[in-house]
Amino acid sequence: MADPAPRERAPDERRFTAMYDDCRQRVWAYAAARAGRQIADEVVSETFAVAWRRIADVPDPPLPWLLGVARNVLRDGYRAEARREACTAELARWAPRPSGDIAEDVAERLAVVRAMAAIPEADREILILVAWQGLSPREAARVVGCSPAALRVRLHRARKRLLRAADAGAEPAAGPAAGQAAADAGGRPVRPQMGIVSEERA
């Protein structure tokens, strides 16, 4: 699709600028969570280049559509293994390593991060979209290209797998040290509160 005609560029440019300002950080966060910070900027650039070329096709609200484009950019441009390794490294950045008398909330956060790194990429993607990006199941379904009903089933399964991974202290790809179960200051295993798996809006 060609760029918008000159007489249409002014309103399109205003819409594109507003969309970029509103959604850029959310798209970047999604790309970073899926594939790491090193390529997130490139994914954002490609995503918004597509959005400009197809500005007439971008729906309102634009975020689910933009995340769908970013998902395609990641799928088509980056190997699954590289995405997995970068995602594990990115998740590790989100929680400090425990040392000394660690607070319970930090231990819980570590457990969530480790569990997220341990579950399959497809489950991780659903949880990132719904719990971290704040999309409804209906909006997330548009991103991944399935029905809302199918998305809810996948979300339910992803939450169960995340809870099991957290309970088991499952070992992610980052290495054995990262896979140790979180514990409180007294050495007792910590089962995180896991707000990420709470029921979301429809």
C-alpha atoms as a PDB file:
ATOM      1  CA  MET A   1       0.000   0.000   0.000  1.00  0.00           C
ATOM      2  CA  ALA A   2       1.383   3.390  -1.017  1.00  0.00           C
ATOM      3  CA  ASP A   3       1.850   6.279   1.378  1.00  0.00           C
ATOM      4  CA  PRO A   4      -1.281   8.371   1.928  1.00  0.00           C
ATOM      5  CA  ALA A   5      -2.002  10.954  -0.765  1.00  0.00           C
ATOM      6  CA  PRO A   6      -0.637  14.482  -0.072  1.00  0.00           C
ATOM      7  CA  ARG A   7      -4.061  15.957   0.669  1.00  0.00           C
ATOM      8  CA  GLU A   8      -4.630  13.239   3.284  1.00  0.00           C
ATOM      9  CA  ARG A   9      -1.209  13.383   4.933  1.00  0.00           C
ATOM     10  CA  ALA A  10      -1.929  16.078   7.529  1.00  0.00           C
ATOM     11  CA  PRO A  11      -4.693  14.231   9.441  1.00  0.00           C
ATOM     12  CA  ASP A  12      -2.889  10.923   8.941  1.00  0.00           C
ATOM     13  CA  GLU A  13       0.315  12.397  10.307  1.00  0.00           C
ATOM     14  CA  ARG A  14      -1.514  13.744  13.346  1.00  0.00           C
ATOM     15  CA  ARG A  15      -3.126  10.379  13.964  1.00  0.00           C
ATOM     16  CA  PHE A  16       0.155   8.555  13.492  1.00  0.00           C
ATOM     17  CA  THR A  17       2.000  10.915  15.849  1.00  0.00           C
ATOM     18  CA  ALA A  18      -0.659  10.505  18.542  1.00  0.00           C
ATOM     19  CA  MET A  19      -0.620   6.731  18.088  1.00  0.00           C
ATOM     20  CA  TYR A  20       3.166   6.637  18.325  1.00  0.00           C
ATOM     21  CA  ASP A  21       3.215   8.767  21.462  1.00  0.00           C
ATOM     22  CA  ASP A  22       0.491   6.689  23.122  1.00  0.00           C
ATOM     23  CA  CYS A  23       1.661   3.207  22.151  1.00  0.00           C
ATOM     24  CA  ARG A  24       5.396   3.242  21.525  1.00  0.00           C
ATOM     25  CA  GLN A  25       6.383   2.329  25.081  1.00  0.00           C
ATOM     26  CA  ARG A  26       3.819  -0.474  25.247  1.00  0.00           C
ATOM     27  CA  VAL A  27       5.078  -1.948  21.970  1.00  0.00           C
ATOM     28  CA  TRP A  28       8.670  -1.643  23.185  1.00  0.00           C
ATOM     29  CA  ALA A  29       7.834  -3.372  26.480  1.00  0.00           C
ATOM     30  CA  TYR A  30       6.134  -6.222  24.604  1.00  0.00           C
ATOM     31  CA  ALA A  31       9.114  -6.671  22.276  1.00  0.00           C
ATOM     32  CA  ALA A  32      11.581  -6.506  25.174  1.00  0.00           C
ATOM     33  CA  ALA A  33       9.633  -9.089  27.154  1.00  0.00           C
ATOM     34  CA  ARG A  34       9.440 -11.407  24.156  1.00  0.00           C
ATOM     35  CA  ALA A  35      12.946 -10.986  22.746  1.00  0.00           C
ATOM     36  CA  GLY A  36      15.118  -8.736  24.916  1.00  0.00           C
ATOM     37  CA  ARG A  37      16.058  -5.086  24.941  1.00  0.00           C
ATOM     38  CA  GLN A  38      18.758  -5.348  22.297  1.00  0.00           C
ATOM     39  CA  ILE A  39      16.265  -5.770  19.478  1.00  0.00           C
ATOM     40  CA  ALA A  40      13.221  -4.045  20.984  1.00  0.00           C
ATOM     41  CA  ASP A  41      14.019  -0.697  19.346  1.00  0.00           C
ATOM     42  CA  GLU A  42      14.329  -2.358  15.944  1.00  0.00           C
ATOM     43  CA  VAL A  43      11.011  -4.144  16.407  1.00  0.00           C
ATOM     44  CA  VAL A  44       9.342  -0.849  17.372  1.00  0.00           C
ATOM     45  CA  SER A  45      10.762   0.878  14.287  1.00  0.00           C
ATOM     46  CA  GLU A  46       9.566  -1.867  11.960  1.00  0.00           C
ATOM     47  CA  THR A  47       6.168  -2.015  13.641  1.00  0.00           C
ATOM     48  CA  PHE A  48       5.491   1.696  13.249  1.00  0.00           C
ATOM     49  CA  ALA A  49       6.851   1.686   9.694  1.00  0.00           C
ATOM     50  CA  VAL A  50       4.157  -0.869   8.892  1.00  0.00           C
ATOM     51  CA  ALA A  51       1.604   1.236  10.773  1.00  0.00           C
ATOM     52  CA  TRP A  52       2.442   4.294   8.672  1.00  0.00           C
ATOM     53  CA  ARG A  53       2.249   2.383   5.404  1.00  0.00           C
ATOM     54  CA  ARG A  54      -1.123   0.951   6.459  1.00  0.00           C
ATOM     55  CA  ILE A  55      -2.434   3.910   8.434  1.00  0.00           C
ATOM     56  CA  ALA A  56      -5.880   3.586   6.869  1.00  0.00           C
ATOM     57  CA  ASP A  57      -6.111  -0.017   8.124  1.00  0.00           C
ATOM     58  CA  VAL A  58      -5.159   0.685  11.730  1.00  0.00           C
ATOM     59  CA  PRO A  59      -8.252   0.251  13.925  1.00  0.00           C
ATOM     60  CA  ASP A  60      -9.199   2.110  17.070  1.00  0.00           C
ATOM     61  CA  PRO A  61      -7.893   1.334  19.628  1.00  0.00           C
ATOM     62  CA  PRO A  62      -4.624   0.662  17.803  1.00  0.00           C
ATOM     63  CA  LEU A  63      -2.632  -1.174  20.500  1.00  0.00           C
ATOM     64  CA  PRO A  64      -3.816  -4.755  19.809  1.00  0.00           C
ATOM     65  CA  TRP A  65      -3.211  -4.232  16.089  1.00  0.00           C
ATOM     66  CA  LEU A  66       0.278  -2.819  16.749  1.00  0.00           C
ATOM     67  CA  LEU A  67       1.155  -5.700  19.051  1.00  0.00           C
ATOM     68  CA  GLY A  68      -0.001  -8.107  16.356  1.00  0.00           C
ATOM     69  CA  VAL A  69       2.361  -6.447  13.886  1.00  0.00           C
ATOM     70  CA  ALA A  70       5.195  -6.572  16.427  1.00  0.00           C
ATOM     71  CA  ARG A  71       4.464 -10.248  16.963  1.00  0.00           C
ATOM     72  CA  ASN A  72       4.760 -10.892  13.230  1.00  0.00           C
ATOM     73  CA  VAL A  73       8.013  -8.912  13.060  1.00  0.00           C
ATOM     74  CA  LEU A  74       9.439 -11.040  15.864  1.00  0.00           C
ATOM     75  CA  ARG A  75       8.176 -14.271  14.346  1.00  0.00           C
ATOM     76  CA  ASP A  76       9.478 -13.535  10.863  1.00  0.00           C
ATOM     77  CA  GLY A  77      12.726 -11.798  11.736  1.00  0.00           C
ATOM     78  CA  TYR A  78      14.184 -13.617  14.719  1.00  0.00           C
ATOM     79  CA  ARG A  79      14.840 -17.285  15.422  1.00  0.00           C
ATOM     80  CA  ALA A  80      12.781 -18.912  18.158  1.00  0.00           C
ATOM     81  CA  GLU A  81      15.915 -20.010  20.015  1.00  0.00           C
ATOM     82  CA  ALA A  82      17.315 -16.487  19.990  1.00  0.00           C
ATOM     83  CA  ARG A  83      13.976 -15.135  21.253  1.00  0.00           C
ATOM     84  CA  ARG A  84      13.921 -17.680  24.066  1.00  0.00           C
ATOM     85  CA  GLU A  85      17.467 -16.910  25.194  1.00  0.00           C
ATOM     86  CA  ALA A  86      16.905 -13.160  25.019  1.00  0.00           C
ATOM     87  CA  CYS A  87      13.613 -13.453  26.901  1.00  0.00           C
ATOM     88  CA  THR A  88      15.243 -15.440  29.691  1.00  0.00           C
ATOM     89  CA  ALA A  89      17.988 -12.839  29.974  1.00  0.00           C
ATOM     90  CA  GLU A  90      15.430 -10.016  29.969  1.00  0.00           C
ATOM     91  CA  LEU A  91      13.357 -11.661  32.686  1.00  0.00           C
ATOM     92  CA  ALA A  92      16.483 -12.024  34.787  1.00  0.00           C
ATOM     93  CA  ARG A  93      16.982  -8.246  34.626  1.00  0.00           C
ATOM     94  CA  TRP A  94      13.586  -7.650  36.204  1.00  0.00           C
ATOM     95  CA  ALA A  95      14.493  -9.124  39.588  1.00  0.00           C
ATOM     96  CA  PRO A  96      17.610  -8.647  41.725  1.00  0.00           C
ATOM     97  CA  ARG A  97      19.610 -11.650  42.827  1.00  0.00           C
ATOM     98  CA  PRO A  98      18.909 -12.620  46.426  1.00  0.00           C
ATOM     99  CA  SER A  99      21.620 -11.857  48.959  1.00  0.00           C
ATOM    100  CA  GLY A 100      21.575 -11.877  52.730  1.00  0.00           C
ATOM    101  CA  ASP A 101      18.277 -11.229  54.471  1.00  0.00           C
ATOM    102  CA  ILE A 102      16.039 -10.984  51.387  1.00  0.00           C
ATOM    103  CA  ALA A 103      12.607  -9.436  51.773  1.00  0.00           C
ATOM    104  CA  GLU A 104       9.613 -11.638  51.104  1.00  0.00           C
ATOM    105  CA  ASP A 105       8.308  -9.490  48.259  1.00  0.00           C
ATOM    106  CA  VAL A 106      11.642  -9.760  46.443  1.00  0.00           C
ATOM    107  CA  ALA A 107      11.614 -13.540  46.919  1.00  0.00           C
ATOM    108  CA  GLU A 108       8.118 -13.676  45.462  1.00  0.00           C
ATOM    109  CA  ARG A 109       9.144 -11.563  42.503  1.00  0.00           C
ATOM    110  CA  LEU A 110      12.117 -13.826  41.862  1.00  0.00           C
ATOM    111  CA  ALA A 111       9.839 -16.873  41.939  1.00  0.00           C
ATOM    112  CA  VAL A 112       7.492 -15.314  39.393  1.00  0.00           C
ATOM    113  CA  VAL A 113      10.369 -14.355  37.091  1.00  0.00           C
ATOM    114  CA  ARG A 114      11.877 -17.832  37.289  1.00  0.00           C
ATOM    115  CA  ALA A 115       8.520 -19.466  36.664  1.00  0.00           C
ATOM    116  CA  MET A 116       7.910 -17.224  33.646  1.00  0.00           C
ATOM    117  CA  ALA A 117      11.296 -18.209  32.236  1.00  0.00           C
ATOM    118  CA  ALA A 118      10.461 -21.890  32.715  1.00  0.00           C
ATOM    119  CA  ILE A 119       7.115 -22.092  30.899  1.00  0.00           C
ATOM    120  CA  PRO A 120       6.725 -22.452  27.115  1.00  0.00           C
ATOM    121  CA  GLU A 121       7.037 -19.337  24.974  1.00  0.00           C
ATOM    122  CA  ALA A 122       3.389 -19.528  23.846  1.00  0.00           C
ATOM    123  CA  ASP A 123       2.210 -19.461  27.470  1.00  0.00           C
ATOM    124  CA  ARG A 124       4.589 -16.644  28.309  1.00  0.00           C
ATOM    125  CA  GLU A 125       3.274 -14.586  25.405  1.00  0.00           C
ATOM    126  CA  ILE A 126      -0.350 -14.900  26.567  1.00  0.00           C
ATOM    127  CA  LEU A 127       0.539 -13.876  30.120  1.00  0.00           C
ATOM    128  CA  ILE A 128       2.624 -10.935  28.904  1.00  0.00           C
ATOM    129  CA  LEU A 129      -0.264  -9.664  26.782  1.00  0.00           C
ATOM    130  CA  VAL A 130      -2.950 -10.026  29.450  1.00  0.00           C
ATOM    131  CA  ALA A 131      -1.163  -9.515  32.760  1.00  0.00           C
ATOM    132  CA  TRP A 132       1.628  -7.113  31.791  1.00  0.00           C
ATOM    133  CA  GLN A 133       0.237  -5.329  28.754  1.00  0.00           C
ATOM    134  CA  GLY A 134      -3.223  -5.129  30.314  1.00  0.00           C
ATOM    135  CA  LEU A 135      -5.124  -6.405  27.282  1.00  0.00           C
ATOM    136  CA  SER A 136      -8.473  -8.084  27.705  1.00  0.00           C
ATOM    137  CA  PRO A 137      -8.704 -11.689  26.447  1.00  0.00           C
ATOM    138  CA  ARG A 138     -10.667 -10.367  23.459  1.00  0.00           C
ATOM    139  CA  GLU A 139      -7.893  -7.894  22.589  1.00  0.00           C
ATOM    140  CA  ALA A 140      -5.167 -10.483  23.187  1.00  0.00           C
ATOM    141  CA  ALA A 141      -7.010 -12.875  20.868  1.00  0.00           C
ATOM    142  CA  ARG A 142      -6.711 -10.301  18.087  1.00  0.00           C
ATOM    143  CA  VAL A 143      -2.950 -10.127  18.650  1.00  0.00           C
ATOM    144  CA  VAL A 144      -2.328 -13.869  18.462  1.00  0.00           C
ATOM    145  CA  GLY A 145      -4.984 -14.566  15.827  1.00  0.00           C
ATOM    146  CA  CYS A 146      -7.440 -16.823  17.613  1.00  0.00           C
ATOM    147  CA  SER A 147     -10.977 -16.574  18.930  1.00  0.00           C
ATOM    148  CA  PRO A 148     -11.639 -14.994  22.356  1.00  0.00           C
ATOM    149  CA  ALA A 149     -12.919 -18.353  23.585  1.00  0.00           C
ATOM    150  CA  ALA A 150      -9.729 -20.113  22.490  1.00  0.00           C
ATOM    151  CA  LEU A 151      -7.650 -17.354  24.069  1.00  0.00           C
ATOM    152  CA  ARG A 152      -9.418 -17.811  27.409  1.00  0.00           C
ATOM    153  CA  VAL A 153      -8.673 -21.549  27.304  1.00  0.00           C
ATOM    154  CA  ARG A 154      -5.003 -20.860  26.502  1.00  0.00           C
ATOM    155  CA  LEU A 155      -4.846 -18.229  29.241  1.00  0.00           C
ATOM    156  CA  HIS A 156      -6.299 -20.636  31.794  1.00  0.00           C
ATOM    157  CA  ARG A 157      -3.749 -23.285  30.848  1.00  0.00           C
ATOM    158  CA  ALA A 158      -0.890 -20.764  30.911  1.00  0.00           C
ATOM    159  CA  ARG A 159      -1.851 -19.639  34.411  1.00  0.00           C
ATOM    160  CA  LYS A 160      -1.941 -23.249  35.632  1.00  0.00           C
ATOM    161  CA  ARG A 161       1.472 -23.978  34.122  1.00  0.00           C
ATOM    162  CA  LEU A 162       2.912 -20.834  35.678  1.00  0.00           C
ATOM    163  CA  LEU A 163       1.605 -21.804  39.103  1.00  0.00           C
ATOM    164  CA  ARG A 164       3.015 -25.316  38.718  1.00  0.00           C
ATOM    165  CA  ALA A 165       6.383 -23.914  37.645  1.00  0.00           C
ATOM    166  CA  ALA A 166       6.421 -21.572  40.621  1.00  0.00           C
ATOM    167  CA  ASP A 167       5.474 -24.358  43.025  1.00  0.00           C
ATOM    168  CA  ALA A 168       8.170 -26.626  41.617  1.00  0.00           C
ATOM    169  CA  GLY A 169      10.879 -23.973  41.491  1.00  0.00           C
ATOM    170  CA  ALA A 170      11.352 -25.072  37.890  1.00  0.00           C
ATOM    171  CA  GLU A 171      14.718 -24.433  36.285  1.00  0.00           C
ATOM    172  CA  PRO A 172      14.685 -22.018  33.316  1.00  0.00           C
ATOM    173  CA  ALA A 173      17.165 -22.021  30.485  1.00  0.00           C
ATOM    174  CA  ALA A 174      19.371 -19.449  32.241  1.00  0.00           C
ATOM    175  CA  GLY A 175      21.097 -22.127  34.351  1.00  0.00           C
ATOM    176  CA  PRO A 176      20.907 -24.154  37.553  1.00  0.00           C
ATOM    177  CA  ALA A 177      21.471 -21.233  39.919  1.00  0.00           C
ATOM    178  CA  ALA A 178      18.521 -19.353  38.488  1.00  0.00           C
ATOM    179  CA  GLY A 179      16.299 -22.412  38.917  1.00  0.00           C
ATOM    180  CA  GLN A 180      16.566 -22.673  42.695  1.00  0.00           C
ATOM    181  CA  ALA A 181      13.263 -22.248  44.472  1.00  0.00           C
ATOM    182  CA  ALA A 182      12.805 -18.905  46.163  1.00  0.00           C
ATOM    183  CA  ALA A 183      12.982 -18.930  49.928  1.00  0.00           C
ATOM    184  CA  ASP A 184      12.326 -16.494  52.711  1.00  0.00           C
ATOM    185  CA  ALA A 185      14.887 -15.309  55.259  1.00  0.00           C
ATOM    186  CA  GLY A 186      14.392 -18.477  57.296  1.00  0.00           C
ATOM    187  CA  GLY A 187      15.027 -20.757  54.355  1.00  0.00           C
ATOM    188  CA  ARG A 188      11.370 -21.734  53.915  1.00  0.00           C
ATOM    189  CA  PRO A 189      10.087 -22.059  50.338  1.00  0.00           C
ATOM    190  CA  VAL A 190       8.032 -19.098  49.194  1.00  0.00           C
ATOM    191  CA  ARG A 191       4.964 -19.635  47.059  1.00  0.00           C
ATOM    192  CA  PRO A 192       4.428 -16.298  45.306  1.00  0.00           C
ATOM    193  CA  GLN A 193       1.109 -14.511  45.475  1.00  0.00           C
ATOM    194  CA  MET A 194       1.171 -14.592  41.669  1.00  0.00           C
ATOM    195  CA  GLY A 195      -1.013 -11.622  40.912  1.00  0.00           C
ATOM    196  CA  ILE A 196      -0.112 -12.271  37.281  1.00  0.00           C
ATOM    197  CA  VAL A 197      -2.444 -15.265  37.246  1.00  0.00           C
ATOM    198  CA  SER A 198      -5.477 -13.554  38.763  1.00  0.00           C
ATOM    199  CA  GLU A 199      -8.617 -13.513  36.698  1.00  0.00           C
ATOM    200  CA  GLU A 200      -8.650 -10.673  34.203  1.00  0.00           C
ATOM    201  CA  ARG A 201     -11.424  -8.648  32.641  1.00  0.00           C
ATOM    202  CA  ALA A 202     -13.341 -10.169  29.745  1.00  0.00           C
END
